[in-house]
């Protein structure tokens, strides 16, 4: 029952996300760790603000303790990138985070990280699933929590300061302090609140926050920083006269932005802004990495500066791996996750937020003006995206049409080529593209289309809807 997607294992609380499954996963990890001979190295585990997250971390820890493997438990709800940062700093072989990231409140899950704080790739997660199958039905050993602490097999830590100090050291705090910025933040009831406030107040920003209390139901909304969930932040930015609005998802590894004019910036726009800033203003040199459902505007910006843009499948593990391979300076995805060279090997919404605030201070321009500069240099492009729920029968039908029979609808634009690297992506000769793929974290079909104009993008989406009977 435990299957890993692009963002770890996620399941509905009380259905598949239950104590027995959590401990089965922990026991499987113990077996894998022992087989690899790294049982003398501790495993760090963190948790977010979701229902049962802290308890789940402890349920896993007492299984590790029973197997003689030490766990370092972050004893306050914390951002996922904090765990990855700790692993990187201490060169740890394995770590885990109890979170379902941006999924609805009825979900929880566990992310597994490998050496140096990287997202477990498909080979690692397949290996974990094999161990899960081996231990299924076996009695899972446990050690009493208090006894495990006394024996030193469970140690409670809170390494937030080290994580925040590294972010503060990486950004131009002097420039931010001199800019006197007003910043609104919305952690969407998640774990980004303390980190964002600490960084911004250290940089002498005026900070105005909403949705910062602990609410396991996330205010009855999705803890994802998208256009609909950030409407209250838009109003807050305008009401308080802020220079920028910053939001993070449930576990603070993704970011959402409201600009100085109260407009929601799509994650694609954030990536374009950051890459442009790193190259033009900070003088960095190197390629950029994006997944195949992310804007090709990054390709245009890279080309304008004599750099290259690399395309990979969906899943941040592919982005971080390609960044290491190509020495890229930025990698990201259209869902709001990104990372920058020299930082951790995974998504970090907190660091991205700090870098965007630095951008405004250093450029001495509002975000709206910086993006207008980019469009003046590289042109404009428009993306449309849609999500569709489906039955299992409908999924099988669409899977057969798109991936087995490899059919595409009759399209009114000349096709350059079609890729099946991840889903079905059609590249047009005019530089546009459309992709249909199944989500790796939710039961959804996602269609993204980017074209020279809004009318053309909507036209292609409509054709796909009719073709797939959506």
Protein backbone atom coordinates (compact mmCIF):
# COMPACT_ATOMS: atom_id res chain seq x y z
CA UNK A 1 0.00 0.00 0.00
CA UNK A 2 2.99 2.33 0.47
CA UNK A 3 3.92 3.80 -2.91
CA UNK A 4 6.26 6.70 -3.55
CA UNK A 5 5.41 9.41 -6.05
CA UNK A 6 7.39 12.45 -7.20
CA UNK A 7 7.19 13.97 -3.70
CA UNK A 8 7.53 10.98 -1.41
CA UNK A 9 4.78 8.81 0.07
CA UNK A 10 1.47 10.60 0.59
CA UNK A 11 -1.82 9.10 1.77
CA UNK A 12 -5.11 10.01 3.42
CA UNK A 13 -4.93 10.12 7.21
CA UNK A 14 -6.78 7.18 8.75
CA UNK A 15 -6.91 5.33 5.45
CA UNK A 16 -3.39 4.39 4.39
CA UNK A 17 -1.55 6.95 6.53
CA UNK A 18 -1.80 5.00 9.78
CA UNK A 19 0.64 4.00 12.55
CA UNK A 20 1.18 0.46 11.25
CA UNK A 21 2.13 1.68 7.77
CA UNK A 22 4.39 4.42 9.14
CA UNK A 23 6.22 1.87 11.26
CA UNK A 24 6.37 -0.59 8.39
CA UNK A 25 8.12 2.08 6.34
CA UNK A 26 10.48 2.83 9.24
CA UNK A 27 11.32 -0.87 9.66
CA UNK A 28 11.95 -1.18 5.92
CA UNK A 29 14.33 1.78 6.15
CA UNK A 30 16.12 0.05 9.04
CA UNK A 31 16.62 -3.06 6.91
CA UNK A 32 17.87 -1.00 3.97
CA UNK A 33 20.24 1.00 6.18
CA UNK A 34 21.69 -2.15 7.75
CA UNK A 35 22.09 -3.83 4.37
CA UNK A 36 24.11 -0.82 3.22
CA UNK A 37 26.26 -0.86 6.38
CA UNK A 38 25.42 2.69 7.52
CA UNK A 39 23.53 1.75 10.69
CA UNK A 40 26.10 3.54 12.85
CA UNK A 41 25.17 6.87 11.25
CA UNK A 42 22.16 8.69 12.75
CA UNK A 43 18.96 9.43 10.80
CA UNK A 44 17.47 12.92 11.15
CA UNK A 45 13.65 13.24 11.11
CA UNK A 46 11.49 16.36 11.06
CA UNK A 47 7.78 17.10 10.95
CA UNK A 48 5.38 19.82 9.81
CA UNK A 49 2.14 21.19 11.30
CA UNK A 50 -0.21 18.54 9.89
CA UNK A 51 -2.41 16.35 12.04
CA UNK A 52 -0.38 13.46 13.53
CA UNK A 53 2.93 14.68 12.08
CA UNK A 54 4.80 14.85 15.39
CA UNK A 55 3.34 11.55 16.57
CA UNK A 56 4.27 9.92 13.27
CA UNK A 57 7.86 11.08 13.65
CA UNK A 58 7.97 9.52 17.11
CA UNK A 59 6.31 6.28 15.93
CA UNK A 60 9.06 5.93 13.34
CA UNK A 61 11.81 6.81 15.82
CA UNK A 62 10.93 4.06 18.30
CA UNK A 63 11.24 1.49 15.50
CA UNK A 64 14.69 2.79 14.58
CA UNK A 65 15.62 2.71 18.27
CA UNK A 66 14.51 -0.92 18.61
CA UNK A 67 16.88 -1.73 15.74
CA UNK A 68 19.76 0.14 17.41
CA UNK A 69 19.76 3.02 14.91
CA UNK A 70 19.96 6.51 16.41
CA UNK A 71 17.49 9.15 15.28
CA UNK A 72 17.89 12.90 15.67
CA UNK A 73 14.38 14.33 15.99
CA UNK A 74 13.78 18.00 15.24
CA UNK A 75 11.57 18.75 18.22
CA UNK A 76 9.56 21.64 16.74
CA UNK A 77 7.60 21.74 13.51
CA UNK A 78 10.07 22.93 10.88
CA UNK A 79 10.55 23.53 7.15
CA UNK A 80 11.49 20.56 5.00
CA UNK A 81 14.59 22.41 3.70
CA UNK A 82 15.87 22.57 7.29
CA UNK A 83 16.17 18.77 7.29
CA UNK A 84 17.96 18.78 3.94
CA UNK A 85 20.30 21.52 5.14
CA UNK A 86 21.16 19.58 8.32
CA UNK A 87 21.88 16.44 6.31
CA UNK A 88 24.10 18.36 3.90
CA UNK A 89 26.06 20.04 6.70
CA UNK A 90 26.62 16.76 8.56
CA UNK A 91 26.96 14.51 5.47
CA UNK A 92 24.27 12.15 6.71
CA UNK A 93 23.25 9.13 4.61
CA UNK A 94 19.50 9.24 5.34
CA UNK A 95 16.82 11.56 6.64
CA UNK A 96 13.03 11.76 6.68
CA UNK A 97 10.37 14.45 6.88
CA UNK A 98 6.77 13.86 7.92
CA UNK A 99 4.75 16.07 5.56
CA UNK A 100 2.33 15.99 2.66
CA UNK A 101 3.66 19.36 1.47
CA UNK A 102 0.91 21.22 -0.43
CA UNK A 103 -1.67 18.39 -0.46
CA UNK A 104 -5.11 18.89 1.16
CA UNK A 105 -5.35 18.67 4.97
CA UNK A 106 -6.73 15.12 4.91
CA UNK A 107 -3.33 13.92 3.63
CA UNK A 108 -0.07 13.31 5.38
CA UNK A 109 3.08 11.60 4.18
CA UNK A 110 6.79 11.01 4.48
CA UNK A 111 9.64 12.25 2.32
CA UNK A 112 12.89 10.27 2.31
CA UNK A 113 16.22 12.00 1.72
CA UNK A 114 19.51 10.39 0.77
CA UNK A 115 23.18 11.27 1.22
CA UNK A 116 23.85 14.96 1.56
CA UNK A 117 20.15 15.89 1.80
CA UNK A 118 18.88 14.98 -1.65
CA UNK A 119 15.38 13.84 -2.57
CA UNK A 120 15.39 10.06 -2.92
CA UNK A 121 15.39 9.28 -6.65
CA UNK A 122 13.24 6.63 -8.32
CA UNK A 123 15.92 3.96 -7.81
CA UNK A 124 16.12 4.66 -4.09
CA UNK A 125 12.34 4.78 -3.61
CA UNK A 126 11.91 1.56 -5.62
CA UNK A 127 14.49 -0.02 -3.31
CA UNK A 128 12.56 1.21 -0.25
CA UNK A 129 9.36 -0.27 -1.69
CA UNK A 130 11.13 -3.63 -2.16
CA UNK A 131 12.12 -3.64 1.51
CA UNK A 132 8.56 -2.68 2.48
CA UNK A 133 7.28 -5.72 0.59
CA UNK A 134 9.83 -7.92 2.38
CA UNK A 135 8.75 -6.83 5.87
CA UNK A 136 5.01 -6.84 5.19
CA UNK A 137 3.22 -8.97 7.77
CA UNK A 138 6.22 -9.10 10.09
CA UNK A 139 6.04 -8.00 13.73
CA UNK A 140 7.51 -4.50 13.91
CA UNK A 141 9.81 -3.98 16.92
CA UNK A 142 9.42 -0.89 19.13
CA UNK A 143 11.36 0.62 22.05
CA UNK A 144 9.61 2.81 24.59
CA UNK A 145 10.27 6.47 23.73
CA UNK A 146 11.59 7.49 27.16
CA UNK A 147 13.92 4.48 27.31
CA UNK A 148 15.19 5.22 23.82
CA UNK A 149 16.00 8.79 24.91
CA UNK A 150 17.79 7.53 28.01
CA UNK A 151 19.84 5.15 25.88
CA UNK A 152 20.78 7.96 23.49
CA UNK A 153 19.02 6.25 20.58
CA UNK A 154 16.63 9.19 20.30
CA UNK A 155 18.04 12.69 20.57
CA UNK A 156 15.92 15.82 20.25
CA UNK A 157 17.49 18.74 18.38
CA UNK A 158 16.43 22.10 16.92
CA UNK A 159 19.02 23.29 14.37
CA UNK A 160 16.99 26.25 13.04
CA UNK A 161 19.64 28.86 13.83
CA UNK A 162 22.31 27.19 11.71
CA UNK A 163 19.90 26.98 8.77
CA UNK A 164 18.84 30.63 9.06
CA UNK A 165 22.40 31.85 9.62
CA UNK A 166 23.47 30.22 6.35
CA UNK A 167 20.63 31.94 4.48
CA UNK A 168 21.47 35.31 6.06
CA UNK A 169 25.11 34.84 5.07
CA UNK A 170 24.13 34.05 1.47
CA UNK A 171 22.05 37.18 0.81
CA UNK A 172 23.01 40.86 0.75
CA UNK A 173 21.64 41.86 4.15
CA UNK A 174 23.29 45.29 3.98
CA UNK A 175 21.43 46.16 0.77
CA UNK A 176 18.12 44.96 2.21
CA UNK A 177 18.60 46.96 5.41
CA UNK A 178 19.32 50.12 3.44
CA UNK A 179 16.22 49.62 1.25
CA UNK A 180 13.72 49.92 4.12
CA UNK A 181 11.30 47.43 2.58
CA UNK A 182 7.75 46.62 3.68
CA UNK A 183 7.00 42.91 3.34
CA UNK A 184 3.78 40.94 3.81
CA UNK A 185 4.03 37.22 4.56
CA UNK A 186 1.52 34.38 4.43
CA UNK A 187 2.81 30.96 5.57
CA UNK A 188 -0.66 29.51 4.84
CA UNK A 189 -0.78 28.14 8.43
CA UNK A 190 2.33 26.10 7.65
CA UNK A 191 5.87 26.00 9.04
CA UNK A 192 7.41 28.94 7.14
CA UNK A 193 6.32 31.63 9.60
CA UNK A 194 9.22 31.66 12.10
CA UNK A 195 11.92 31.39 9.44
CA UNK A 196 10.51 34.15 7.24
CA UNK A 197 9.96 36.54 10.14
CA UNK A 198 13.43 35.94 11.59
CA UNK A 199 15.20 36.61 8.28
CA UNK A 200 13.13 39.66 7.36
CA UNK A 201 13.32 41.27 10.79
CA UNK A 202 17.09 40.64 10.89
CA UNK A 203 17.21 42.60 7.63
CA UNK A 204 15.19 45.42 9.25
CA UNK A 205 12.15 44.98 7.02
CA UNK A 206 8.72 46.02 8.22
CA UNK A 207 6.84 42.71 8.35
CA UNK A 208 3.08 42.19 8.18
CA UNK A 209 1.85 38.61 8.54
CA UNK A 210 -1.40 36.71 8.09
CA UNK A 211 -2.36 33.05 8.58
CA UNK A 212 0.57 32.41 10.90
CA UNK A 213 -1.17 30.41 13.64
CA UNK A 214 -1.16 26.61 13.85
CA UNK A 215 -4.20 25.17 12.06
CA UNK A 216 -4.09 21.54 10.93
CA UNK A 217 -6.96 22.29 8.51
CA UNK A 218 -5.02 25.18 6.92
CA UNK A 219 -7.99 27.52 7.22
CA UNK A 220 -10.05 25.03 5.20
CA UNK A 221 -7.92 25.85 2.15
CA UNK A 222 -5.19 24.08 0.22
CA UNK A 223 -1.75 24.90 1.74
CA UNK A 224 -0.39 25.67 -1.73
CA UNK A 225 0.66 29.21 -2.70
CA UNK A 226 -1.43 29.58 -5.84
CA UNK A 227 -3.52 32.39 -7.27
CA UNK A 228 -6.72 31.45 -5.43
CA UNK A 229 -5.17 30.81 -2.00
CA UNK A 230 -3.13 34.03 -2.09
CA UNK A 231 -6.01 36.46 -2.63
CA UNK A 232 -5.92 37.52 1.05
CA UNK A 233 -2.19 38.20 0.67
CA UNK A 234 -2.88 40.31 -2.42
CA UNK A 235 -5.24 42.49 -0.37
CA UNK A 236 -2.73 42.64 2.49
CA UNK A 237 0.05 43.85 0.18
CA UNK A 238 -2.14 46.62 -1.21
CA UNK A 239 -3.64 47.60 2.18
CA UNK A 240 -0.22 47.88 3.85
CA UNK A 241 1.56 49.39 0.84
CA UNK A 242 4.09 46.55 0.74
CA UNK A 243 6.92 46.11 -1.73
CA UNK A 244 6.32 42.35 -1.94
CA UNK A 245 4.15 39.59 -0.54
CA UNK A 246 5.80 36.25 0.31
CA UNK A 247 4.01 32.93 0.83
CA UNK A 248 5.21 29.40 1.47
CA UNK A 249 3.40 26.09 1.22
CA UNK A 250 2.67 23.72 4.11
CA UNK A 251 6.28 22.57 4.60
CA UNK A 252 7.92 25.76 3.25
CA UNK A 253 9.78 24.19 0.35
CA UNK A 254 7.70 26.08 -2.23
CA UNK A 255 7.10 29.78 -2.67
CA UNK A 256 4.36 32.11 -3.90
CA UNK A 257 4.77 35.82 -4.64
CA UNK A 258 2.54 38.90 -4.83
CA UNK A 259 4.28 41.81 -6.52
CA UNK A 260 4.23 45.52 -5.62
CA UNK A 261 1.07 46.05 -7.67
CA UNK A 262 -0.83 43.27 -5.88
CA UNK A 263 -0.52 40.84 -8.77
CA UNK A 264 0.07 37.13 -8.30
CA UNK A 265 3.32 36.03 -9.91
CA UNK A 266 3.18 32.55 -11.37
CA UNK A 267 6.08 30.32 -10.23
CA UNK A 268 7.29 30.44 -13.84
CA UNK A 269 7.68 34.21 -13.49
CA UNK A 270 9.56 33.79 -10.20
CA UNK A 271 12.07 31.45 -11.85
CA UNK A 272 12.58 33.83 -14.75
CA UNK A 273 13.08 36.78 -12.38
CA UNK A 274 15.60 34.93 -10.23
CA UNK A 275 17.64 33.57 -13.12
CA UNK A 276 17.72 37.01 -14.75
CA UNK A 277 18.78 38.57 -11.45
CA UNK A 278 21.54 36.04 -10.75
CA UNK A 279 23.06 36.52 -14.20
CA UNK A 280 22.53 40.23 -14.85
CA UNK A 281 22.79 41.77 -11.40
CA UNK A 282 24.95 39.31 -9.45
CA UNK A 283 27.18 38.42 -12.41
CA UNK A 284 26.84 34.65 -12.07
CA UNK A 285 27.48 32.41 -15.06
CA UNK A 286 25.93 29.02 -15.74
CA UNK A 287 22.93 27.17 -17.14
CA UNK A 288 19.45 26.82 -15.68
CA UNK A 289 17.40 23.62 -15.22
CA UNK A 290 13.61 23.30 -15.45
CA UNK A 291 11.16 20.45 -15.71
CA UNK A 292 9.20 19.85 -18.90
CA UNK A 293 6.04 21.53 -17.54
CA UNK A 294 7.86 24.79 -16.80
CA UNK A 295 8.09 27.91 -18.94
CA UNK A 296 10.39 28.09 -21.94
CA UNK A 297 10.90 31.77 -21.10
CA UNK A 298 13.85 30.46 -19.12
CA UNK A 299 15.30 29.20 -22.41
CA UNK A 300 14.97 32.67 -23.89
CA UNK A 301 16.66 34.37 -20.93
CA UNK A 302 19.47 31.79 -20.95
CA UNK A 303 20.00 32.29 -24.68
CA UNK A 304 20.07 36.08 -24.26
CA UNK A 305 23.02 35.70 -21.88
CA UNK A 306 24.78 33.00 -23.89
CA UNK A 307 23.77 30.24 -21.46
CA UNK A 308 21.81 26.98 -21.80
CA UNK A 309 18.53 25.72 -20.34
CA UNK A 310 18.20 21.98 -19.59
CA UNK A 311 14.87 20.13 -19.50
CA UNK A 312 14.17 17.18 -17.15
CA UNK A 313 11.12 15.11 -16.07
CA UNK A 314 8.85 16.29 -13.25
CA UNK A 315 10.28 15.60 -9.80
CA UNK A 316 12.80 17.75 -7.99
CA UNK A 317 15.27 14.89 -7.76
CA UNK A 318 15.78 15.24 -11.53
CA UNK A 319 16.38 18.97 -11.21
CA UNK A 320 18.96 18.66 -8.43
CA UNK A 321 20.75 15.83 -10.25
CA UNK A 322 20.94 17.83 -13.49
CA UNK A 323 22.15 20.90 -11.62
CA UNK A 324 25.03 18.89 -10.17
CA UNK A 325 25.83 17.41 -13.58
CA UNK A 326 25.84 20.74 -15.44
CA UNK A 327 26.93 23.11 -12.65
CA UNK A 328 23.70 25.06 -13.15
CA UNK A 329 23.08 28.13 -11.01
CA UNK A 330 19.29 27.73 -10.70
CA UNK A 331 16.80 24.92 -11.01
CA UNK A 332 13.05 24.97 -10.58
CA UNK A 333 9.57 23.87 -11.52
CA UNK A 334 6.26 25.51 -12.35
CA UNK A 335 4.72 24.31 -9.08
CA UNK A 336 6.83 26.77 -7.08
CA UNK A 337 9.89 24.75 -6.03
CA UNK A 338 13.39 26.00 -6.77
CA UNK A 339 16.94 25.93 -5.53
CA UNK A 340 20.08 27.96 -6.16
CA UNK A 341 23.67 26.84 -6.60
CA UNK A 342 25.61 26.71 -3.35
CA UNK A 343 22.55 26.10 -1.20
CA UNK A 344 20.83 22.77 -0.43
CA UNK A 345 20.15 20.07 -3.04
CA UNK A 346 16.38 20.53 -2.92
CA UNK A 347 13.56 23.05 -2.86
CA UNK A 348 13.68 25.91 -0.36
CA UNK A 349 10.90 28.49 -0.28
CA UNK A 350 12.49 30.39 2.61
CA UNK A 351 15.81 30.97 0.82
CA UNK A 352 14.00 31.86 -2.41
CA UNK A 353 11.95 34.44 -0.50
CA UNK A 354 15.10 36.02 0.96
CA UNK A 355 16.70 36.17 -2.49
CA UNK A 356 13.66 37.90 -4.00
CA UNK A 357 13.72 40.54 -1.28
CA UNK A 358 17.43 41.03 -2.00
CA UNK A 359 16.60 41.45 -5.70
CA UNK A 360 14.30 44.40 -5.02
CA UNK A 361 16.91 46.03 -2.77
CA UNK A 362 19.88 45.53 -5.12
CA UNK A 363 18.07 46.37 -8.37
CA UNK A 364 16.39 49.37 -6.69
CA UNK A 365 13.33 48.52 -8.75
CA UNK A 366 9.98 46.90 -7.93
CA UNK A 367 9.34 43.37 -9.21
CA UNK A 368 6.84 44.65 -11.77
CA UNK A 369 9.50 46.89 -13.35
CA UNK A 370 12.16 44.16 -13.34
CA UNK A 371 9.84 41.75 -15.15
CA UNK A 372 8.91 44.47 -17.66
CA UNK A 373 12.64 44.80 -18.38
CA UNK A 374 12.86 41.05 -19.04
CA UNK A 375 9.92 41.11 -21.46
CA UNK A 376 11.43 44.08 -23.28
CA UNK A 377 14.61 42.06 -23.80
CA UNK A 378 13.19 38.56 -24.37
CA UNK A 379 9.61 39.00 -25.58
CA UNK A 380 6.37 37.69 -24.09
CA UNK A 381 4.81 34.25 -23.76
CA UNK A 382 1.56 32.94 -22.24
CA UNK A 383 0.84 29.74 -20.32
CA UNK A 384 -2.49 28.06 -19.54
CA UNK A 385 -2.77 25.10 -17.18
CA UNK A 386 -5.67 22.88 -16.16
CA UNK A 387 -6.21 20.03 -13.69
CA UNK A 388 -8.78 17.27 -14.24
CA UNK A 389 -10.01 14.62 -11.82
CA UNK A 390 -10.89 11.20 -13.20
CA UNK A 391 -12.12 7.71 -12.39
CA UNK A 392 -9.78 4.72 -12.55
CA UNK A 393 -11.55 3.62 -15.72
CA UNK A 394 -11.08 7.05 -17.29
CA UNK A 395 -7.42 7.09 -16.26
CA UNK A 396 -6.80 3.76 -17.98
CA UNK A 397 -8.48 5.05 -21.12
CA UNK A 398 -6.42 8.25 -21.22
CA UNK A 399 -3.23 6.33 -20.40
CA UNK A 400 -3.87 4.04 -23.36
CA UNK A 401 -4.62 6.92 -25.74
CA UNK A 402 -1.69 9.12 -24.74
CA UNK A 403 1.07 6.72 -23.73
CA UNK A 404 0.36 3.34 -25.39
CA UNK A 405 -1.27 4.30 -28.68
CA UNK A 406 0.63 7.62 -28.58
CA UNK A 407 -2.16 9.57 -30.21
CA UNK A 408 -2.30 13.36 -30.30
CA UNK A 409 -5.26 15.44 -31.46
CA UNK A 410 -5.37 17.31 -34.76
CA UNK A 411 -3.68 20.60 -33.89
CA UNK A 412 -3.73 23.86 -35.88
CA UNK A 413 0.00 24.51 -35.42
CA UNK A 414 2.95 22.82 -37.11
CA UNK A 415 4.52 20.18 -34.83
CA UNK A 416 8.29 20.05 -34.44
CA UNK A 417 8.44 16.83 -32.40
CA UNK A 418 6.71 14.86 -29.62
CA UNK A 419 8.37 13.64 -26.41
CA UNK A 420 7.27 10.88 -24.02
CA UNK A 421 9.97 11.56 -21.43
CA UNK A 422 7.24 12.26 -18.84
CA UNK A 423 3.70 12.24 -20.14
CA UNK A 424 3.09 13.38 -23.71
CA UNK A 425 4.64 16.72 -24.71
CA UNK A 426 4.14 18.26 -28.14
CA UNK A 427 6.63 20.89 -29.27
CA UNK A 428 5.41 23.34 -31.95
CA UNK A 429 7.57 25.01 -34.57
CA UNK A 430 6.46 28.44 -33.33
CA UNK A 431 8.19 27.78 -29.99
CA UNK A 432 5.01 26.83 -28.16
CA UNK A 433 4.26 23.47 -26.51
CA UNK A 434 1.58 21.46 -24.74
CA UNK A 435 1.95 18.59 -22.28
CA UNK A 436 -0.58 16.15 -20.80
CA UNK A 437 0.68 14.13 -17.82
CA UNK A 438 -0.65 12.42 -14.71
CA UNK A 439 0.28 13.97 -11.38
CA UNK A 440 2.73 12.01 -9.25
CA UNK A 441 1.23 13.32 -5.98
CA UNK A 442 -2.55 13.55 -6.60
CA UNK A 443 -5.14 11.72 -8.75
CA UNK A 444 -5.15 14.37 -11.47
CA UNK A 445 -4.43 14.77 -15.17
CA UNK A 446 -2.57 18.00 -15.77
CA UNK A 447 -2.41 19.84 -19.08
CA UNK A 448 -0.01 22.75 -19.56
CA UNK A 449 0.20 24.80 -22.74
CA UNK A 450 2.52 27.70 -23.50
CA UNK A 451 2.07 29.70 -26.69
CA UNK A 452 2.91 33.15 -28.10
CA UNK A 453 -0.60 34.37 -27.19
CA UNK A 454 -3.33 33.64 -24.61
CA UNK A 455 -5.86 32.90 -27.36
CA UNK A 456 -3.61 30.26 -28.93
CA UNK A 457 -2.91 28.57 -25.58
CA UNK A 458 -6.60 28.40 -24.66
CA UNK A 459 -7.40 27.06 -28.13
CA UNK A 460 -4.95 24.16 -27.74
CA UNK A 461 -6.28 23.33 -24.25
CA UNK A 462 -9.84 23.22 -25.62
CA UNK A 463 -8.75 20.83 -28.37
CA UNK A 464 -7.19 18.48 -25.78
CA UNK A 465 -10.33 18.63 -23.61
CA UNK A 466 -12.44 17.52 -26.54
CA UNK A 467 -9.90 14.89 -27.66
CA UNK A 468 -9.75 13.28 -24.20
CA UNK A 469 -13.44 13.89 -23.40
CA UNK A 470 -12.60 15.86 -20.24
